[in-house]
Amino acid sequence: MVASELEVVRSTEVVTAAPVRTGSRAAGLVRGGLLLAAGIAVIYIGLVPMGHVTGIIKVPVVLAGIALTYMGVDGLAKAWWGPQVETAFWVSVFWLVALILAAIFADFLPLGEAVDTTKTITIPGNTPPDLFSAHPLGTNNFSLDLLARSIYAARVSLLTAGLAVVLSMLIGVPIGMYAGYYRGRLDRIVSVFNDSFLAFPALIVLIALASVLGVPTSVPEAIIKEGVALALIGIPTMIRLARANTLVFAQREFVVASRAMGARDRRILSREILPNVLLPLVSLALIIIAVLIVAEGSLAFLGLGLQPPQPSWGNMIAEGTITVVQDYPFIPLVPGVFMFLTVFSFNRIGERARQRWDPRQAKI
């Protein structure tokens, strides 16, 4: 009797709750649509009618429009898929996919000139952003298109950071695993060298490496030289992470069982420990990529990275001297926004991967 009454109550709750959810979804869609429309309108006002206004007034207006646009997208997503949807994560995925595709197919896109100043003699320089013009994000002092330069610069930053992470994992993970598995004298030697290297400021190490390797003058040279330099910075972090995870898994039951059955150390490391160590390291590698993108931009900003007119986000931001920032704030702001969105996206996706693949570390 009690069970039947509970079933009646549950069915009644489901029937009565459905119209409420439908109404709330419709209200959420309307509210999100209004915020999205308002955000787009504010961005348009800030970039087109207010194009002649000084940056100290125009930039906050554009930022407010971007915030309203995100609130609108977030409202639409939560109203349609439910409050559990992570809008920031999916926006980050969309941004990285769009940026990577644009960087790969940049040569086939209808972009303005990004490098050759002889082709931009007839184009006015320091043109402010206009979404409905041939230069949607404006031009710099040499009349080069900022949108094109930002997309081509993404090639340098993404490939450099990606190469650095791959090299640091290939070198650091085996060393950390061997140190964590065998312990003893090997572990002490690796820990001393690793801690000593981490004690040096990373920027000073990068400057020293840049002086040894030389300043790159082409895109492939910049990717290789800066990738190797950044990999040396990332190796100690990979060693420490691989060692810490190996210490945890080396005492697990499946490893003890494999050792008791006569499995060799090489097989235990490659078959039992490595798959469990790689998952959390891959998730952390996404966060490390974000850090290395900033480091690559810092090198270029200091004049130790790729040299102009070849674009990188760092040397594009370096064009924003005090006079330029006062008169044309969009010149350093455009590559700065590209770098910010990319770093934020890698951090957000990396945190989501840590929650999925390494929940123990994600709670710390």
Protein backbone atom coordinates (compact mmCIF):
# COMPACT_ATOMS: atom_id res chain seq x y z
CA MET A 1 0.00 0.00 0.00
CA VAL A 2 2.77 2.40 0.86
CA ALA A 3 4.70 1.53 -2.33
CA SER A 4 1.66 2.21 -4.52
CA GLU A 5 1.08 5.56 -2.84
CA LEU A 6 4.72 6.51 -3.43
CA GLU A 7 4.40 5.60 -7.11
CA VAL A 8 1.30 7.82 -7.38
CA VAL A 9 3.14 10.71 -5.74
CA ARG A 10 6.16 10.29 -8.03
CA SER A 11 4.03 10.18 -11.14
CA THR A 12 2.12 13.25 -9.99
CA GLU A 13 5.36 15.12 -9.38
CA VAL A 14 6.68 14.20 -12.82
CA VAL A 15 3.47 15.27 -14.54
CA THR A 16 3.25 18.58 -12.69
CA ALA A 17 6.97 19.34 -13.00
CA ALA A 18 7.08 19.03 -16.80
CA PRO A 19 5.19 22.27 -17.58
CA VAL A 20 7.38 24.14 -15.10
CA ARG A 21 10.55 22.92 -16.83
CA THR A 22 9.14 23.80 -20.23
CA GLY A 23 8.20 27.28 -19.06
CA SER A 24 11.56 27.85 -17.43
CA ARG A 25 13.32 26.64 -20.59
CA ALA A 26 11.36 29.09 -22.72
CA ALA A 27 12.07 31.93 -20.30
CA GLY A 28 15.76 31.00 -20.21
CA LEU A 29 15.96 30.92 -24.02
CA VAL A 30 14.30 34.33 -24.26
CA ARG A 31 16.56 35.80 -21.56
CA GLY A 32 19.69 34.28 -23.14
CA GLY A 33 18.67 35.47 -26.61
CA LEU A 34 18.13 39.01 -25.36
CA LEU A 35 21.53 39.06 -23.63
CA LEU A 36 23.21 37.67 -26.75
CA ALA A 37 21.56 40.28 -28.97
CA ALA A 38 22.48 43.04 -26.53
CA GLY A 39 26.09 41.86 -26.39
CA ILE A 40 26.43 41.80 -30.19
CA ALA A 41 24.85 45.25 -30.40
CA VAL A 42 27.24 46.69 -27.79
CA ILE A 43 30.26 45.16 -29.58
CA TYR A 44 29.07 46.65 -32.87
CA ILE A 45 28.60 50.06 -31.26
CA GLY A 46 32.04 49.91 -29.70
CA LEU A 47 33.79 48.94 -32.94
CA VAL A 48 31.88 50.85 -35.62
CA PRO A 49 30.05 54.01 -34.45
CA MET A 50 32.62 54.55 -31.70
CA GLY A 51 35.58 53.74 -33.93
CA HIS A 52 36.96 57.30 -33.65
CA VAL A 53 36.64 57.43 -29.84
CA THR A 54 39.74 57.06 -27.68
CA GLY A 55 40.61 53.61 -26.46
CA ILE A 56 40.04 54.36 -22.78
CA ILE A 57 36.32 54.67 -23.55
CA LYS A 58 35.99 52.24 -26.46
CA VAL A 59 37.79 49.26 -24.92
CA PRO A 60 35.51 48.99 -21.83
CA VAL A 61 32.48 49.17 -24.12
CA VAL A 62 33.79 46.29 -26.25
CA LEU A 63 34.68 44.26 -23.16
CA ALA A 64 31.19 44.85 -21.76
CA GLY A 65 29.75 43.64 -25.06
CA ILE A 66 31.87 40.50 -24.91
CA ALA A 67 30.71 39.83 -21.34
CA LEU A 68 27.06 40.25 -22.34
CA THR A 69 27.59 37.95 -25.33
CA TYR A 70 29.06 35.24 -23.12
CA MET A 71 26.23 35.62 -20.61
CA GLY A 72 23.76 35.20 -23.46
CA VAL A 73 25.49 32.08 -24.79
CA ASP A 74 25.69 30.67 -21.27
CA GLY A 75 22.01 31.37 -20.68
CA LEU A 76 20.99 29.71 -23.95
CA ALA A 77 23.13 26.66 -23.25
CA LYS A 78 21.84 26.19 -19.70
CA ALA A 79 18.24 26.71 -20.80
CA TRP A 80 18.53 24.13 -23.58
CA TRP A 81 20.82 21.44 -22.11
CA GLY A 82 20.33 22.09 -18.40
CA PRO A 83 22.25 23.82 -15.61
CA GLN A 84 24.95 21.12 -15.58
CA VAL A 85 26.41 22.20 -18.93
CA GLU A 86 29.86 23.84 -18.71
CA THR A 87 29.66 26.68 -21.19
CA ALA A 88 33.21 27.87 -20.57
CA PHE A 89 34.57 24.42 -21.44
CA TRP A 90 32.68 24.16 -24.73
CA VAL A 91 33.52 27.74 -25.67
CA SER A 92 37.18 26.90 -25.01
CA VAL A 93 36.94 23.79 -27.22
CA PHE A 94 35.30 25.81 -29.99
CA TRP A 95 37.97 28.52 -29.78
CA LEU A 96 40.89 26.08 -29.95
CA VAL A 97 39.36 24.10 -32.81
CA ALA A 98 38.62 27.27 -34.77
CA LEU A 99 42.08 28.71 -34.09
CA ILE A 100 43.91 25.50 -35.05
CA LEU A 101 41.90 25.13 -38.26
CA ALA A 102 42.49 28.78 -39.13
CA ALA A 103 46.24 28.41 -38.51
CA ILE A 104 46.41 25.26 -40.65
CA PHE A 105 44.45 26.69 -43.58
CA ALA A 106 45.61 30.31 -43.22
CA ASP A 107 47.17 30.28 -46.70
CA PHE A 108 43.76 29.51 -48.23
CA LEU A 109 41.71 32.01 -46.22
CA PRO A 110 40.79 35.47 -47.60
CA LEU A 111 43.09 37.29 -45.18
CA GLY A 112 45.00 40.53 -45.59
CA GLU A 113 48.77 40.79 -45.94
CA ALA A 114 50.59 39.68 -42.80
CA VAL A 115 54.31 39.99 -43.62
CA ASP A 116 55.24 41.75 -46.89
CA THR A 117 55.09 45.52 -46.39
CA THR A 118 55.68 46.18 -50.11
CA LYS A 119 52.15 44.95 -50.78
CA THR A 120 50.54 47.34 -48.29
CA ILE A 121 51.89 50.68 -49.52
CA THR A 122 48.46 51.85 -50.68
CA ILE A 123 46.72 50.67 -47.48
CA PRO A 124 46.42 53.20 -44.63
CA GLY A 125 48.24 52.27 -41.46
CA ASN A 126 46.88 52.13 -37.92
CA THR A 127 43.38 51.49 -39.21
CA PRO A 128 40.99 50.85 -36.30
CA PRO A 129 38.97 47.61 -36.18
CA ASP A 130 35.90 47.48 -38.42
CA LEU A 131 34.16 44.12 -38.64
CA PHE A 132 32.62 45.00 -42.00
CA SER A 133 35.81 46.11 -43.73
CA ALA A 134 38.72 44.37 -45.44
CA HIS A 135 40.61 44.57 -42.14
CA PRO A 136 38.15 43.44 -39.42
CA LEU A 137 40.65 43.85 -36.57
CA GLY A 138 42.55 46.81 -38.03
CA THR A 139 46.11 47.27 -39.28
CA ASN A 140 49.41 48.14 -37.61
CA ASN A 141 51.85 50.94 -38.37
CA PHE A 142 53.07 49.12 -41.51
CA SER A 143 49.51 48.58 -42.78
CA LEU A 144 49.73 44.84 -42.11
CA ASP A 145 46.46 43.12 -41.26
CA LEU A 146 46.22 42.32 -37.53
CA LEU A 147 43.79 39.42 -38.01
CA ALA A 148 46.10 37.73 -40.51
CA ARG A 149 49.17 38.34 -38.36
CA SER A 150 47.41 36.96 -35.26
CA ILE A 151 46.41 33.77 -37.09
CA TYR A 152 49.88 33.23 -38.56
CA ALA A 153 51.36 33.93 -35.13
CA ALA A 154 49.18 31.15 -33.72
CA ARG A 155 51.21 28.70 -35.81
CA VAL A 156 54.40 29.76 -34.06
CA SER A 157 52.97 29.70 -30.52
CA LEU A 158 51.04 26.43 -30.83
CA LEU A 159 53.78 24.50 -32.65
CA THR A 160 56.48 25.80 -30.31
CA ALA A 161 54.55 24.93 -27.16
CA GLY A 162 53.46 21.58 -28.59
CA LEU A 163 57.03 20.62 -29.55
CA ALA A 164 58.29 21.68 -26.12
CA VAL A 165 55.71 19.55 -24.30
CA VAL A 166 56.37 16.49 -26.48
CA LEU A 167 60.13 16.74 -25.97
CA SER A 168 59.80 17.32 -22.24
CA MET A 169 57.51 14.29 -21.90
CA LEU A 170 59.76 12.04 -24.00
CA ILE A 171 62.75 12.91 -21.81
CA GLY A 172 61.21 13.66 -18.42
CA VAL A 173 58.67 10.83 -18.10
CA PRO A 174 61.17 7.92 -18.42
CA ILE A 175 63.62 9.58 -16.03
CA GLY A 176 60.90 10.25 -13.45
CA MET A 177 59.48 6.74 -13.78
CA TYR A 178 62.87 5.08 -13.31
CA ALA A 179 63.63 7.30 -10.32
CA GLY A 180 60.27 6.60 -8.70
CA TYR A 181 60.36 2.87 -9.39
CA TYR A 182 63.94 1.98 -8.41
CA ARG A 183 64.29 4.63 -5.68
CA GLY A 184 67.62 4.48 -3.81
CA ARG A 185 70.69 6.28 -5.14
CA LEU A 186 69.17 6.90 -8.58
CA ASP A 187 66.19 8.67 -7.02
CA ARG A 188 68.43 10.84 -4.83
CA ILE A 189 70.66 11.87 -7.76
CA VAL A 190 67.70 12.71 -10.00
CA SER A 191 65.97 14.66 -7.21
CA VAL A 192 69.09 16.74 -6.48
CA PHE A 193 69.62 17.69 -10.12
CA ASN A 194 65.91 18.29 -10.64
CA ASP A 195 65.53 20.53 -7.59
CA SER A 196 68.70 22.41 -8.51
CA PHE A 197 67.39 23.14 -11.99
CA LEU A 198 64.01 24.23 -10.66
CA ALA A 199 65.77 26.68 -8.32
CA PHE A 200 66.92 28.81 -11.27
CA PRO A 201 64.41 31.43 -12.52
CA ALA A 202 62.92 30.16 -15.76
CA LEU A 203 63.24 33.50 -17.57
CA ILE A 204 66.98 33.71 -16.86
CA VAL A 205 67.45 30.17 -18.15
CA LEU A 206 65.53 31.02 -21.32
CA ILE A 207 67.61 34.16 -21.89
CA ALA A 208 70.81 32.14 -21.44
CA LEU A 209 69.59 29.46 -23.86
CA ALA A 210 68.57 32.11 -26.38
CA SER A 211 72.06 33.60 -26.25
CA VAL A 212 73.57 30.16 -26.87
CA LEU A 213 71.17 29.00 -29.58
CA GLY A 214 70.90 32.40 -31.26
CA VAL A 215 67.91 34.56 -32.13
CA PRO A 216 65.69 32.84 -34.74
CA THR A 217 65.06 34.60 -38.04
CA SER A 218 62.52 32.26 -39.65
CA VAL A 219 59.41 30.42 -38.49
CA PRO A 220 60.87 26.86 -38.62
CA GLU A 221 64.02 28.05 -36.85
CA ALA A 222 61.93 29.78 -34.18
CA ILE A 223 59.82 26.67 -33.58
CA ILE A 224 62.87 24.42 -33.21
CA LYS A 225 65.07 26.74 -31.16
CA GLU A 226 62.34 28.03 -28.86
CA GLY A 227 60.77 24.57 -28.62
CA VAL A 228 64.06 23.07 -27.44
CA ALA A 229 64.62 25.92 -24.97
CA LEU A 230 61.12 25.62 -23.53
CA ALA A 231 61.44 21.82 -23.39
CA LEU A 232 64.44 22.17 -21.09
CA ILE A 233 62.25 24.27 -18.82
CA GLY A 234 59.46 21.68 -18.87
CA ILE A 235 61.60 18.57 -18.30
CA PRO A 236 62.01 19.06 -14.50
CA THR A 237 58.26 19.44 -14.09
CA MET A 238 57.62 16.25 -16.08
CA ILE A 239 60.26 14.38 -14.05
CA ARG A 240 58.66 15.42 -10.78
CA LEU A 241 55.12 14.54 -11.91
CA ALA A 242 56.15 11.18 -13.40
CA ARG A 243 58.13 10.29 -10.26
CA ALA A 244 55.25 11.21 -7.95
CA ASN A 245 52.72 9.15 -9.91
CA THR A 246 55.12 6.21 -10.20
CA LEU A 247 55.60 6.19 -6.43
CA VAL A 248 51.83 5.85 -6.05
CA PHE A 249 51.27 3.10 -8.62
CA ALA A 250 54.42 1.10 -7.84
CA GLN A 251 52.80 -0.05 -4.59
CA ARG A 252 49.41 -0.95 -6.07
CA GLU A 253 48.08 -4.50 -6.04
CA PHE A 254 48.33 -5.13 -9.78
CA VAL A 255 52.03 -4.15 -9.77
CA VAL A 256 52.77 -6.34 -6.74
CA ALA A 257 50.92 -9.22 -8.41
CA SER A 258 52.87 -8.80 -11.65
CA ARG A 259 56.15 -8.76 -9.73
CA ALA A 260 55.12 -11.88 -7.79
CA MET A 261 54.32 -13.69 -11.06
CA GLY A 262 57.86 -13.08 -12.25
CA ALA A 263 57.33 -10.14 -14.60
CA ARG A 264 60.45 -8.15 -15.39
CA ASP A 265 60.85 -4.55 -14.34
CA ARG A 266 60.77 -3.34 -17.96
CA ARG A 267 57.43 -5.04 -18.57
CA ILE A 268 55.98 -3.70 -15.31
CA LEU A 269 57.06 -0.16 -16.17
CA SER A 270 55.76 -0.28 -19.75
CA ARG A 271 52.60 -2.38 -19.31
CA GLU A 272 51.41 -1.65 -15.79
CA ILE A 273 52.71 1.74 -14.65
CA LEU A 274 53.13 3.79 -17.85
CA PRO A 275 49.43 3.74 -18.92
CA ASN A 276 48.38 4.89 -15.46
CA VAL A 277 51.04 7.61 -15.32
CA LEU A 278 50.35 8.99 -18.81
CA LEU A 279 46.69 9.90 -18.27
CA PRO A 280 47.26 12.48 -15.51
CA LEU A 281 50.39 13.71 -17.29
CA VAL A 282 48.48 14.32 -20.53
CA SER A 283 45.88 16.36 -18.68
CA LEU A 284 48.62 18.39 -17.00
CA ALA A 285 50.42 18.76 -20.34
CA LEU A 286 47.49 20.87 -21.58
CA ILE A 287 48.02 23.26 -18.68
CA ILE A 288 51.77 23.28 -19.30
CA ILE A 289 51.12 24.20 -22.95
CA ALA A 290 49.29 27.29 -21.73
CA VAL A 291 52.27 28.25 -19.56
CA LEU A 292 54.70 27.70 -22.43
CA ILE A 293 52.64 29.85 -24.79
CA VAL A 294 53.06 32.73 -22.34
CA ALA A 295 56.78 31.94 -22.05
CA GLU A 296 57.18 31.97 -25.84
CA GLY A 297 55.38 35.28 -26.00
CA SER A 298 57.67 36.66 -23.29
CA LEU A 299 60.76 35.69 -25.29
CA ALA A 300 59.39 37.35 -28.42
CA PHE A 301 58.41 40.42 -26.39
CA LEU A 302 62.00 40.72 -25.12
CA GLY A 303 63.35 40.44 -28.67
CA LEU A 304 64.77 36.94 -28.15
CA GLY A 305 62.13 35.14 -30.19
CA LEU A 306 60.96 35.35 -33.78
CA GLN A 307 61.94 38.68 -35.30
CA PRO A 308 59.60 41.02 -37.20
CA PRO A 309 58.16 41.21 -39.79
CA GLN A 310 57.43 37.51 -39.14
CA PRO A 311 54.51 37.59 -36.68
CA SER A 312 54.33 36.09 -33.23
CA TRP A 313 52.02 37.17 -30.44
CA GLY A 314 54.95 38.38 -28.38
CA ASN A 315 56.52 40.68 -30.98
CA MET A 316 53.06 41.93 -31.98
CA ILE A 317 52.39 42.95 -28.37
CA ALA A 318 55.86 44.53 -28.27
CA GLU A 319 54.74 46.93 -31.01
CA GLY A 320 52.53 48.59 -28.41
CA THR A 321 54.85 51.24 -27.08
CA ILE A 322 53.51 53.93 -24.75
CA THR A 323 52.68 56.25 -27.65
CA VAL A 324 51.03 53.45 -29.63
CA VAL A 325 48.96 52.28 -26.66
CA GLN A 326 47.71 55.83 -26.05
CA ASP A 327 46.73 56.46 -29.68
CA TYR A 328 46.09 52.97 -31.09
CA PRO A 329 45.38 50.57 -28.20
CA PHE A 330 43.99 47.91 -30.54
CA ILE A 331 47.46 47.13 -31.96
CA PRO A 332 48.74 45.31 -28.84
CA LEU A 333 45.22 44.45 -27.66
CA VAL A 334 44.35 42.20 -30.63
CA PRO A 335 47.25 39.73 -30.18
CA GLY A 336 46.83 40.03 -26.41
CA VAL A 337 43.21 38.87 -26.70
CA PHE A 338 44.26 35.97 -28.95
CA MET A 339 46.88 34.89 -26.41
CA PHE A 340 44.50 35.31 -23.46
CA LEU A 341 41.72 33.24 -25.05
CA THR A 342 44.15 30.51 -26.09
CA VAL A 343 45.82 30.27 -22.67
CA PHE A 344 42.44 30.36 -20.91
CA SER A 345 41.10 27.61 -23.20
CA PHE A 346 44.06 25.29 -22.60
CA ASN A 347 43.77 25.85 -18.85
CA ARG A 348 40.02 25.17 -18.86
CA ILE A 349 40.31 22.01 -20.95
CA GLY A 350 43.28 20.85 -18.89
CA GLU A 351 41.33 21.26 -15.65
CA ARG A 352 38.41 19.33 -17.13
CA ALA A 353 40.80 16.55 -18.18
CA ARG A 354 42.30 16.43 -14.67
CA GLN A 355 38.84 16.06 -13.16
CA ARG A 356 38.13 13.15 -15.50
CA TRP A 357 41.50 11.33 -15.52
CA ASP A 358 43.00 12.30 -12.18
CA PRO A 359 40.19 13.10 -9.72
CA ARG A 360 42.51 12.62 -6.74
CA GLN A 361 44.78 15.49 -7.86
CA ALA A 362 41.84 17.63 -9.03
CA LYS A 363 40.53 17.78 -5.44
CA ILE A 364 43.79 19.27 -4.13
